Amino acid sequence: MDYDEVMARLLGGRTVNQTAKDLRMAQQTLQAWVSKTNLPTPAGVHRIVHATGLDAATVNLAVSAERRRRKQSSVTQPPAGYVSLAPLDVPVRAGAGAAAHPAPAVLRHVDVLESWATALLGSDLSRVRLVTVRGDSMQPTLSAGDVLFVDAGQRAYSTDGLYVLSRGGNVFVKRLQMRSRGVLAVISDNAVYPVELLADRDLDDVVICGRVLASWSLRQLS
C-alpha cells in the first residue's frame, strides 16, 4: 500500500474538512498530509493507524517510501541564481470548469531566475506551486493549458482573487469574492457558468488549496 492509498483510506470518501472534524485535528495539518506539503510525524502515524485500522508497519512503510521519494526528487539542484518550482500535488480527480490535476501537466518542474520570481511572486518561493488549467470556465482570464503560479501556503480566504479549491474530490480554479453577511461568491469568469453563493455549512465542504499569484500562457503564432 503506497502513501496515496493510505490517505485515501484515511479520508474514506469524505472531504478533508469533514475528516479533520471527525478526527478532531487541525484541517491545515490534514491538508498538508494529503497535499504532501508535510508528511505525518510518528504521532501522526499513530493517529492514522487508530483511524484506519491499518497496522503501524504498513503506514510507516508508506510514509517512509514517500519521504524517500521526496528526497530523491530534490537531489537535482537548479543552477546558481535559479529556483525550482514544483507542481501542486493534489491527489484527487479533476472536475468540471477550469480544473487542475497533478498529471498530465504542461510543466512538472521549472527552473526560474530567483530574482525574477521574487519580484513577481513574493519572497517566499518555497510556497509557490504550479497548476495546469483545464476547461473553459475561467475564460477569457485563463485558458486550458495555462500554467498558474499558486501560493500553496494560502489555505484560507484573505482577499478577493483567484484560488485553487477542492470540493467533493474535484479541484477547481475559481474567483472568490466576499459578499455581505459572510457569503462567499464562487465566480467563473466565463459568463456561461452561474455564480455560486456559499454560506455556513456549504463553506465547510470547500478546501482552499492556494491562491493564484500569476499565470503563464503560451500563444501560437502563425
Protein backbone atom coordinates (compact mmCIF):
# COMPACT_ATOMS: atom_id res chain seq x y z
CA MET A 1 0.00 0.00 0.00
CA ASP A 2 1.50 3.35 -1.03
CA TYR A 3 1.11 6.75 0.60
CA ASP A 4 -1.76 7.92 -1.62
CA GLU A 5 -3.68 4.75 -0.80
CA VAL A 6 -3.16 5.36 2.92
CA MET A 7 -4.50 8.91 2.54
CA ALA A 8 -7.48 7.63 0.55
CA ARG A 9 -8.18 5.09 3.31
CA LEU A 10 -7.97 7.87 5.91
CA LEU A 11 -10.40 10.13 4.03
CA GLY A 12 -12.79 7.31 3.22
CA GLY A 13 -14.61 9.38 0.62
CA ARG A 14 -15.03 12.37 2.95
CA THR A 15 -13.74 15.89 2.39
CA VAL A 16 -10.56 16.97 4.13
CA ASN A 17 -12.57 19.35 6.29
CA GLN A 18 -15.07 16.69 7.40
CA THR A 19 -12.33 14.14 8.06
CA ALA A 20 -10.42 16.65 10.18
CA LYS A 21 -13.55 17.34 12.20
CA ASP A 22 -14.24 13.64 12.68
CA LEU A 23 -10.66 13.05 13.84
CA ARG A 24 -10.62 16.24 15.93
CA MET A 25 -7.46 17.50 14.30
CA ALA A 26 -6.47 20.73 12.55
CA GLN A 27 -7.71 20.92 8.97
CA GLN A 28 -4.40 22.53 7.93
CA THR A 29 -2.47 19.54 9.26
CA LEU A 30 -4.58 17.02 7.37
CA GLN A 31 -4.49 19.11 4.19
CA ALA A 32 -0.69 19.19 4.46
CA TRP A 33 -0.65 15.38 4.70
CA VAL A 34 -2.95 14.96 1.72
CA SER A 35 -1.12 17.52 -0.43
CA LYS A 36 2.26 16.17 0.80
CA THR A 37 3.38 19.62 1.88
CA ASN A 38 4.25 17.94 5.18
CA LEU A 39 4.26 14.23 5.94
CA PRO A 40 2.90 12.68 9.14
CA THR A 41 5.11 12.63 12.23
CA PRO A 42 5.28 9.48 14.38
CA ALA A 43 2.35 10.88 16.35
CA GLY A 44 0.52 11.44 13.07
CA VAL A 45 1.21 7.86 12.01
CA HIS A 46 -0.29 6.66 15.29
CA ARG A 47 -3.40 8.76 14.60
CA ILE A 48 -3.72 7.28 11.09
CA VAL A 49 -3.36 3.74 12.43
CA HIS A 50 -6.06 4.37 15.03
CA ALA A 51 -8.41 5.98 12.47
CA THR A 52 -7.99 3.48 9.62
CA GLY A 53 -7.36 0.18 11.36
CA LEU A 54 -4.23 -0.33 9.26
CA ASP A 55 -1.24 -1.83 11.02
CA ALA A 56 1.56 0.52 12.03
CA ALA A 57 4.13 -1.21 9.82
CA THR A 58 2.05 -0.60 6.68
CA VAL A 59 1.58 3.09 7.43
CA ASN A 60 5.21 3.60 8.45
CA LEU A 61 6.43 1.92 5.26
CA ALA A 62 4.18 4.11 3.11
CA VAL A 63 5.27 7.32 4.85
CA SER A 64 8.96 6.33 4.71
CA ALA A 65 8.72 5.48 1.00
CA GLU A 66 7.08 8.84 0.29
CA ARG A 67 9.78 10.62 2.29
CA ARG A 68 12.49 8.83 0.27
CA ARG A 69 10.72 9.75 -2.97
CA ARG A 70 10.65 13.41 -1.96
CA LYS A 71 14.32 13.31 -1.01
CA GLN A 72 15.32 11.72 -4.32
CA SER A 73 13.30 14.25 -6.31
CA SER A 74 15.09 17.10 -4.55
CA VAL A 75 18.59 15.81 -5.30
CA THR A 76 18.86 17.71 -8.59
CA GLN A 77 19.56 21.32 -7.71
CA PRO A 78 18.86 24.25 -10.06
CA PRO A 79 21.79 26.36 -11.33
CA ALA A 80 23.10 29.16 -9.12
CA GLY A 81 20.70 32.09 -9.03
CA TYR A 82 17.74 29.94 -10.05
CA VAL A 83 14.97 28.28 -8.07
CA SER A 84 12.98 25.17 -8.97
CA LEU A 85 9.18 25.35 -8.79
CA ALA A 86 7.25 22.09 -8.42
CA PRO A 87 3.64 21.20 -9.29
CA LEU A 88 0.87 21.41 -6.72
CA ASP A 89 0.38 17.80 -5.67
CA VAL A 90 -3.34 17.27 -5.07
CA PRO A 91 -4.18 13.53 -5.23
CA VAL A 92 -7.79 13.89 -6.39
CA ARG A 93 -9.52 13.79 -9.74
CA ALA A 94 -10.26 16.95 -11.73
CA GLY A 95 -13.82 18.13 -12.09
CA ALA A 96 -15.73 20.44 -14.41
CA GLY A 97 -14.71 24.01 -15.07
CA ALA A 98 -11.16 25.34 -15.06
CA ALA A 99 -9.84 22.39 -13.15
CA ALA A 100 -6.38 21.41 -12.06
CA HIS A 101 -4.92 17.93 -11.92
CA PRO A 102 -1.44 16.80 -10.90
CA ALA A 103 -0.96 14.80 -14.14
CA PRO A 104 -0.77 15.24 -17.00
CA ALA A 105 0.53 18.75 -16.52
CA VAL A 106 2.04 21.20 -19.00
CA LEU A 107 5.02 21.65 -16.66
CA ARG A 108 6.19 19.27 -13.94
CA HIS A 109 9.14 21.32 -12.68
CA VAL A 110 10.61 24.55 -13.95
CA ASP A 111 13.78 26.45 -13.02
CA VAL A 112 13.29 30.22 -13.00
CA LEU A 113 15.58 33.14 -12.22
CA GLU A 114 15.21 33.68 -8.48
CA SER A 115 15.32 37.49 -8.66
CA TRP A 116 12.63 37.47 -11.37
CA ALA A 117 10.41 35.09 -9.42
CA THR A 118 10.85 37.02 -6.17
CA ALA A 119 9.86 40.28 -7.85
CA LEU A 120 6.69 38.77 -9.33
CA LEU A 121 5.69 36.09 -6.83
CA GLY A 122 6.99 37.29 -3.47
CA SER A 123 9.94 36.47 -1.27
CA ASP A 124 8.84 33.03 -0.01
CA LEU A 125 9.17 30.95 -3.15
CA SER A 126 9.04 27.70 -1.15
CA ARG A 127 5.26 28.16 -1.04
CA VAL A 128 4.85 28.54 -4.81
CA ARG A 129 3.50 25.58 -6.79
CA LEU A 130 2.47 25.04 -10.42
CA VAL A 131 -1.03 24.16 -11.59
CA THR A 132 -2.25 23.48 -15.14
CA VAL A 133 -5.65 24.91 -16.11
CA ARG A 134 -8.31 22.62 -17.60
CA GLY A 135 -11.64 23.62 -19.10
CA ASP A 136 -13.12 26.94 -20.18
CA SER A 137 -14.94 28.23 -17.12
CA MET A 138 -12.33 30.93 -16.42
CA GLN A 139 -12.07 32.30 -19.95
CA PRO A 140 -11.08 34.88 -21.06
CA THR A 141 -8.87 35.31 -17.98
CA LEU A 142 -7.45 31.78 -18.17
CA SER A 143 -7.39 29.24 -20.97
CA ALA A 144 -6.90 25.48 -20.94
CA GLY A 145 -3.19 24.70 -20.75
CA ASP A 146 -2.24 27.89 -18.93
CA VAL A 147 0.21 27.38 -16.08
CA LEU A 148 -0.65 29.02 -12.77
CA PHE A 149 1.77 30.04 -10.05
CA VAL A 150 -0.04 29.28 -6.78
CA ASP A 151 0.76 30.26 -3.21
CA ALA A 152 0.13 26.84 -1.67
CA GLY A 153 0.60 28.27 1.80
CA GLN A 154 -2.53 30.39 1.45
CA ARG A 155 -5.08 27.94 2.84
CA ALA A 156 -7.82 30.41 3.72
CA TYR A 157 -9.68 33.25 2.00
CA SER A 158 -7.81 36.53 2.55
CA THR A 159 -8.97 38.87 -0.20
CA ASP A 160 -10.89 38.72 -3.48
CA GLY A 161 -8.97 36.91 -6.20
CA LEU A 162 -8.36 33.58 -7.92
CA TYR A 163 -7.98 30.48 -5.76
CA VAL A 164 -7.45 26.75 -6.25
CA LEU A 165 -10.32 24.97 -4.50
CA SER A 166 -11.03 21.36 -3.62
CA ARG A 167 -14.53 20.04 -3.03
CA GLY A 168 -16.03 16.59 -3.25
CA GLY A 169 -12.94 15.07 -4.86
CA ASN A 170 -12.74 17.80 -7.51
CA VAL A 171 -10.19 20.60 -7.84
CA PHE A 172 -11.09 23.92 -9.46
CA VAL A 173 -9.67 27.34 -10.21
CA LYS A 174 -12.29 29.95 -9.36
CA ARG A 175 -12.60 33.60 -8.42
CA LEU A 176 -13.66 34.18 -4.81
CA GLN A 177 -15.45 37.33 -3.72
CA MET A 178 -16.80 38.06 -0.26
CA ARG A 179 -20.38 39.33 -0.26
CA SER A 180 -22.41 40.70 2.64
CA ARG A 181 -23.11 38.68 5.80
CA GLY A 182 -20.23 36.28 5.27
CA VAL A 183 -21.50 34.88 1.97
CA LEU A 184 -18.66 33.81 -0.34
CA ALA A 185 -19.27 34.02 -4.08
CA VAL A 186 -17.55 31.40 -6.26
CA ILE A 187 -17.29 33.00 -9.68
CA SER A 188 -16.39 31.69 -13.14
CA ASP A 189 -15.12 34.47 -15.40
CA ASN A 190 -16.93 32.77 -18.28
CA ALA A 191 -20.46 34.20 -18.03
CA VAL A 192 -21.94 30.89 -19.25
CA TYR A 193 -21.31 29.46 -15.79
CA PRO A 194 -23.52 30.72 -12.94
CA VAL A 195 -22.19 32.30 -9.76
CA GLU A 196 -22.38 30.01 -6.73
CA LEU A 197 -23.01 31.50 -3.29
CA LEU A 198 -21.66 29.67 -0.26
CA ALA A 199 -22.51 30.29 3.37
CA ASP A 200 -22.46 28.49 6.70
CA ARG A 201 -22.23 24.70 6.22
CA ASP A 202 -21.60 25.00 2.48
CA LEU A 203 -18.25 26.62 3.29
CA ASP A 204 -17.21 23.55 5.29
CA ASP A 205 -17.22 21.45 2.11
CA VAL A 206 -14.72 23.69 0.31
CA VAL A 207 -10.97 23.46 0.95
CA ILE A 208 -8.72 26.24 -0.31
CA CYS A 209 -5.53 24.71 -1.73
CA GLY A 210 -3.83 28.01 -2.56
CA ARG A 211 -4.18 31.49 -4.03
CA VAL A 212 -3.24 32.17 -7.66
CA LEU A 213 -0.41 34.69 -7.89
CA ALA A 214 0.23 34.75 -11.64
CA SER A 215 -0.35 32.83 -14.86
CA TRP A 216 1.83 31.77 -17.76
CA SER A 217 0.31 31.37 -21.22
CA LEU A 218 1.67 30.04 -24.48
CA ARG A 219 0.13 31.50 -27.63
CA GLN A 220 0.62 30.00 -31.07
CA LEU A 221 1.84 32.40 -33.73
CA SER A 222 1.12 31.90 -37.41
